[in-house]
Amino acid sequence: MERTGGCMCGAVRYTASSMTGLGVCHCEQCRRWTGSALFAATVPASDMALEGAEHIRAFRSSAWASREFCGLCGSVLWYRFDKGEDGGGDYEVTLGSLDDATGLVLEREIFADQQPDCWRLSGDHLRMTRAETLTKYGVQVDDA
């Protein structure tokens, strides 16, 4: 299913021809970046079309990924893995940047053991600890 989205000011727009895997990250970096947990769905780099790419700014937040946002209005857009032909891999598109998130289903929580006790998500879905998350993505603890 094709989905569209963009930043608050409209300078950056995107069309994702596929989107899967709605997840939530509770790590400290995501909480600081979004002001809450990061709710995001995966879009393969080959399935993402961008308008206004010249307005996108990136902050390299770890040894393996960058966080990208609109340089004009500051809207959080996506977390992007640093792998792939152009140096960037799949997008983890923020739920809040979508024009319509209808039909997406929560599949996983990562860094679940770092979730603040003031909120808990209900439902039957995968919950991975920090250690489990880092192991799954092949990240050395020193790189995190």
C-alpha atoms as a PDB file:
ATOM      1  CA  MET A   1       0.000   0.000   0.000  1.00  0.00           C
ATOM      2  CA  GLU A   2       1.437   3.380  -1.017  1.00  0.00           C
ATOM      3  CA  ARG A   3       1.696   5.957   1.745  1.00  0.00           C
ATOM      4  CA  THR A   4       2.622   9.623   1.713  1.00  0.00           C
ATOM      5  CA  GLY A   5       3.955  11.987   4.307  1.00  0.00           C
ATOM      6  CA  GLY A   6       6.190  14.920   5.025  1.00  0.00           C
ATOM      7  CA  CYS A   7       7.284  17.630   7.374  1.00  0.00           C
ATOM      8  CA  MET A   8       5.151  20.261   9.085  1.00  0.00           C
ATOM      9  CA  CYS A   9       6.016  23.101   6.693  1.00  0.00           C
ATOM     10  CA  GLY A  10       5.617  20.970   3.546  1.00  0.00           C
ATOM     11  CA  ALA A  11       9.158  21.531   2.232  1.00  0.00           C
ATOM     12  CA  VAL A  12       9.885  17.783   2.429  1.00  0.00           C
ATOM     13  CA  ARG A  13       7.398  15.264   1.051  1.00  0.00           C
ATOM     14  CA  TYR A  14       7.771  11.556   0.478  1.00  0.00           C
ATOM     15  CA  THR A  15       5.949   8.651  -1.095  1.00  0.00           C
ATOM     16  CA  ALA A  16       6.630   5.157   0.187  1.00  0.00           C
ATOM     17  CA  SER A  17       5.538   2.439  -2.234  1.00  0.00           C
ATOM     18  CA  SER A  18       5.764  -0.128   0.585  1.00  0.00           C
ATOM     19  CA  MET A  19       5.854   0.071   4.353  1.00  0.00           C
ATOM     20  CA  THR A  20       6.068  -2.665   6.952  1.00  0.00           C
ATOM     21  CA  GLY A  21       6.893  -3.392  10.522  1.00  0.00           C
ATOM     22  CA  LEU A  22       5.493  -0.656  12.749  1.00  0.00           C
ATOM     23  CA  GLY A  23       7.686  -0.623  15.799  1.00  0.00           C
ATOM     24  CA  VAL A  24       8.480   1.473  18.838  1.00  0.00           C
ATOM     25  CA  CYS A  25      11.930   2.275  20.160  1.00  0.00           C
ATOM     26  CA  HIS A  26      12.361   3.281  23.794  1.00  0.00           C
ATOM     27  CA  CYS A  27      16.111   4.001  23.738  1.00  0.00           C
ATOM     28  CA  GLU A  28      17.348   7.217  25.301  1.00  0.00           C
ATOM     29  CA  GLN A  29      18.382   8.698  21.934  1.00  0.00           C
ATOM     30  CA  CYS A  30      14.939   8.174  20.386  1.00  0.00           C
ATOM     31  CA  ARG A  31      13.207   9.597  23.446  1.00  0.00           C
ATOM     32  CA  ARG A  32      15.385  12.723  23.335  1.00  0.00           C
ATOM     33  CA  TRP A  33      14.968  13.097  19.562  1.00  0.00           C
ATOM     34  CA  THR A  34      11.178  12.753  19.460  1.00  0.00           C
ATOM     35  CA  GLY A  35      10.242  13.860  22.968  1.00  0.00           C
ATOM     36  CA  SER A  36       8.713  10.418  23.511  1.00  0.00           C
ATOM     37  CA  ALA A  37       9.203   6.935  22.115  1.00  0.00           C
ATOM     38  CA  LEU A  38       9.954   6.633  18.399  1.00  0.00           C
ATOM     39  CA  PHE A  39       7.000   5.105  16.536  1.00  0.00           C
ATOM     40  CA  ALA A  40       8.226   4.155  13.053  1.00  0.00           C
ATOM     41  CA  ALA A  41       7.595   1.823  10.124  1.00  0.00           C
ATOM     42  CA  THR A  42      10.206   0.414   7.752  1.00  0.00           C
ATOM     43  CA  VAL A  43      10.493   1.553   4.126  1.00  0.00           C
ATOM     44  CA  PRO A  44      13.166  -0.034   1.919  1.00  0.00           C
ATOM     45  CA  ALA A  45      15.399   2.632   0.342  1.00  0.00           C
ATOM     46  CA  SER A  46      14.342   1.466  -3.136  1.00  0.00           C
ATOM     47  CA  ASP A  47      10.672   2.135  -2.255  1.00  0.00           C
ATOM     48  CA  MET A  48      11.124   5.748  -1.127  1.00  0.00           C
ATOM     49  CA  ALA A  49      10.591   8.764  -3.403  1.00  0.00           C
ATOM     50  CA  LEU A  50      11.487  12.204  -2.022  1.00  0.00           C
ATOM     51  CA  GLU A  51      10.549  15.781  -2.877  1.00  0.00           C
ATOM     52  CA  GLY A  52      12.482  18.613  -1.262  1.00  0.00           C
ATOM     53  CA  ALA A  53      15.526  16.478  -0.448  1.00  0.00           C
ATOM     54  CA  GLU A  54      17.646  19.637  -0.376  1.00  0.00           C
ATOM     55  CA  HIS A  55      15.875  20.593   2.874  1.00  0.00           C
ATOM     56  CA  ILE A  56      16.704  17.331   4.659  1.00  0.00           C
ATOM     57  CA  ARG A  57      19.360  17.544   7.343  1.00  0.00           C
ATOM     58  CA  ALA A  58      20.975  14.617   9.109  1.00  0.00           C
ATOM     59  CA  PHE A  59      22.482  14.027  12.506  1.00  0.00           C
ATOM     60  CA  ARG A  60      24.717  10.972  12.747  1.00  0.00           C
ATOM     61  CA  SER A  61      23.647   9.610  16.110  1.00  0.00           C
ATOM     62  CA  SER A  62      25.568   6.334  16.170  1.00  0.00           C
ATOM     63  CA  ALA A  63      28.166   4.318  14.296  1.00  0.00           C
ATOM     64  CA  TRP A  64      25.465   2.761  12.115  1.00  0.00           C
ATOM     65  CA  ALA A  65      22.651   5.281  11.581  1.00  0.00           C
ATOM     66  CA  SER A  66      21.545   8.885  11.158  1.00  0.00           C
ATOM     67  CA  ARG A  67      18.430  10.761  12.229  1.00  0.00           C
ATOM     68  CA  GLU A  68      17.002  12.973   9.521  1.00  0.00           C
ATOM     69  CA  PHE A  69      14.735  16.009   9.819  1.00  0.00           C
ATOM     70  CA  CYS A  70      13.516  19.041   7.872  1.00  0.00           C
ATOM     71  CA  GLY A  71      16.118  21.804   8.022  1.00  0.00           C
ATOM     72  CA  LEU A  72      13.398  24.480   7.763  1.00  0.00           C
ATOM     73  CA  CYS A  73      10.768  23.487  10.333  1.00  0.00           C
ATOM     74  CA  GLY A  74      12.701  20.866  12.319  1.00  0.00           C
ATOM     75  CA  SER A  75      10.132  18.085  11.863  1.00  0.00           C
ATOM     76  CA  VAL A  76      11.475  14.631  12.672  1.00  0.00           C
ATOM     77  CA  LEU A  77      11.254  12.507   9.502  1.00  0.00           C
ATOM     78  CA  TRP A  78      13.062   9.185   9.862  1.00  0.00           C
ATOM     79  CA  TYR A  79      15.894   7.184  11.278  1.00  0.00           C
ATOM     80  CA  ARG A  80      18.111   5.811   8.510  1.00  0.00           C
ATOM     81  CA  PHE A  81      20.599   2.969   8.618  1.00  0.00           C
ATOM     82  CA  ASP A  82      23.986   3.793   7.074  1.00  0.00           C
ATOM     83  CA  LYS A  83      24.215   0.991   4.547  1.00  0.00           C
ATOM     84  CA  GLY A  84      23.220   0.660   0.933  1.00  0.00           C
ATOM     85  CA  GLU A  85      24.357   1.900  -2.446  1.00  0.00           C
ATOM     86  CA  ASP A  86      24.125   5.613  -1.626  1.00  0.00           C
ATOM     87  CA  GLY A  87      25.510   5.190   1.888  1.00  0.00           C
ATOM     88  CA  GLY A  88      22.020   5.085   3.333  1.00  0.00           C
ATOM     89  CA  GLY A  89      19.848   2.062   3.878  1.00  0.00           C
ATOM     90  CA  ASP A  90      16.263   1.497   4.848  1.00  0.00           C
ATOM     91  CA  TYR A  91      14.181   4.279   6.362  1.00  0.00           C
ATOM     92  CA  GLU A  92      12.394   4.008   9.693  1.00  0.00           C
ATOM     93  CA  VAL A  93       9.698   6.577   8.893  1.00  0.00           C
ATOM     94  CA  THR A  94       8.117   8.288  11.881  1.00  0.00           C
ATOM     95  CA  LEU A  95       4.436   7.628  12.387  1.00  0.00           C
ATOM     96  CA  GLY A  96       3.796  11.335  12.981  1.00  0.00           C
ATOM     97  CA  SER A  97       5.138  12.302   9.544  1.00  0.00           C
ATOM     98  CA  LEU A  98       2.586  10.126   7.712  1.00  0.00           C
ATOM     99  CA  ASP A  99      -0.459  11.748   6.147  1.00  0.00           C
ATOM    100  CA  ASP A 100      -2.513   8.696   7.174  1.00  0.00           C
ATOM    101  CA  ALA A 101      -1.341   5.886   9.460  1.00  0.00           C
ATOM    102  CA  THR A 102      -4.618   3.971   9.255  1.00  0.00           C
ATOM    103  CA  GLY A 103      -4.176   0.217   9.169  1.00  0.00           C
ATOM    104  CA  LEU A 104      -0.673   0.025  10.624  1.00  0.00           C
ATOM    105  CA  VAL A 105      -0.373  -2.526  13.418  1.00  0.00           C
ATOM    106  CA  LEU A 106       2.215  -2.461  16.197  1.00  0.00           C
ATOM    107  CA  GLU A 107       4.579  -5.403  15.692  1.00  0.00           C
ATOM    108  CA  ARG A 108       7.481  -4.807  18.058  1.00  0.00           C
ATOM    109  CA  GLU A 109       9.057  -2.734  20.790  1.00  0.00           C
ATOM    110  CA  ILE A 110      12.822  -2.446  21.027  1.00  0.00           C
ATOM    111  CA  PHE A 111      14.855  -1.299  24.030  1.00  0.00           C
ATOM    112  CA  ALA A 112      11.728  -2.263  25.971  1.00  0.00           C
ATOM    113  CA  ASP A 113      13.715  -2.489  29.199  1.00  0.00           C
ATOM    114  CA  GLN A 114      14.518   1.244  28.863  1.00  0.00           C
ATOM    115  CA  GLN A 115      10.861   2.249  28.624  1.00  0.00           C
ATOM    116  CA  PRO A 116       9.940   4.816  31.285  1.00  0.00           C
ATOM    117  CA  ASP A 117       7.493   3.531  33.861  1.00  0.00           C
ATOM    118  CA  CYS A 118       5.065   6.393  33.099  1.00  0.00           C
ATOM    119  CA  TRP A 119       3.850   4.628  29.940  1.00  0.00           C
ATOM    120  CA  ARG A 120       3.260   1.061  28.837  1.00  0.00           C
ATOM    121  CA  LEU A 121       1.958  -0.171  25.506  1.00  0.00           C
ATOM    122  CA  SER A 122      -0.553  -2.990  25.601  1.00  0.00           C
ATOM    123  CA  GLY A 123      -1.079  -5.813  23.168  1.00  0.00           C
ATOM    124  CA  ASP A 124       0.571  -9.018  22.129  1.00  0.00           C
ATOM    125  CA  HIS A 125       3.699  -8.131  20.170  1.00  0.00           C
ATOM    126  CA  LEU A 126       7.449  -8.725  20.323  1.00  0.00           C
ATOM    127  CA  ARG A 127       9.304  -6.885  23.095  1.00  0.00           C
ATOM    128  CA  MET A 128      13.103  -6.888  22.943  1.00  0.00           C
ATOM    129  CA  THR A 129      15.532  -5.649  25.595  1.00  0.00           C
ATOM    130  CA  ARG A 130      18.508  -3.422  24.801  1.00  0.00           C
ATOM    131  CA  ALA A 131      20.848  -6.432  24.720  1.00  0.00           C
ATOM    132  CA  GLU A 132      18.487  -8.411  22.468  1.00  0.00           C
ATOM    133  CA  THR A 133      18.090  -5.431  20.126  1.00  0.00           C
ATOM    134  CA  LEU A 134      21.815  -4.819  19.790  1.00  0.00           C
ATOM    135  CA  THR A 135      22.445  -8.519  19.160  1.00  0.00           C
ATOM    136  CA  LYS A 136      19.715  -8.715  16.507  1.00  0.00           C
ATOM    137  CA  TYR A 137      21.155  -5.777  14.570  1.00  0.00           C
ATOM    138  CA  GLY A 138      24.771  -6.877  15.015  1.00  0.00           C
ATOM    139  CA  VAL A 139      25.806  -3.812  16.987  1.00  0.00           C
ATOM    140  CA  GLN A 140      28.742  -3.997  19.348  1.00  0.00           C
ATOM    141  CA  VAL A 141      27.884  -2.643  22.777  1.00  0.00           C
ATOM    142  CA  ASP A 142      30.770  -0.165  22.474  1.00  0.00           C
ATOM    143  CA  ASP A 143      29.130   1.291  19.303  1.00  0.00           C
ATOM    144  CA  ALA A 144      25.715   1.879  20.872  1.00  0.00           C
END
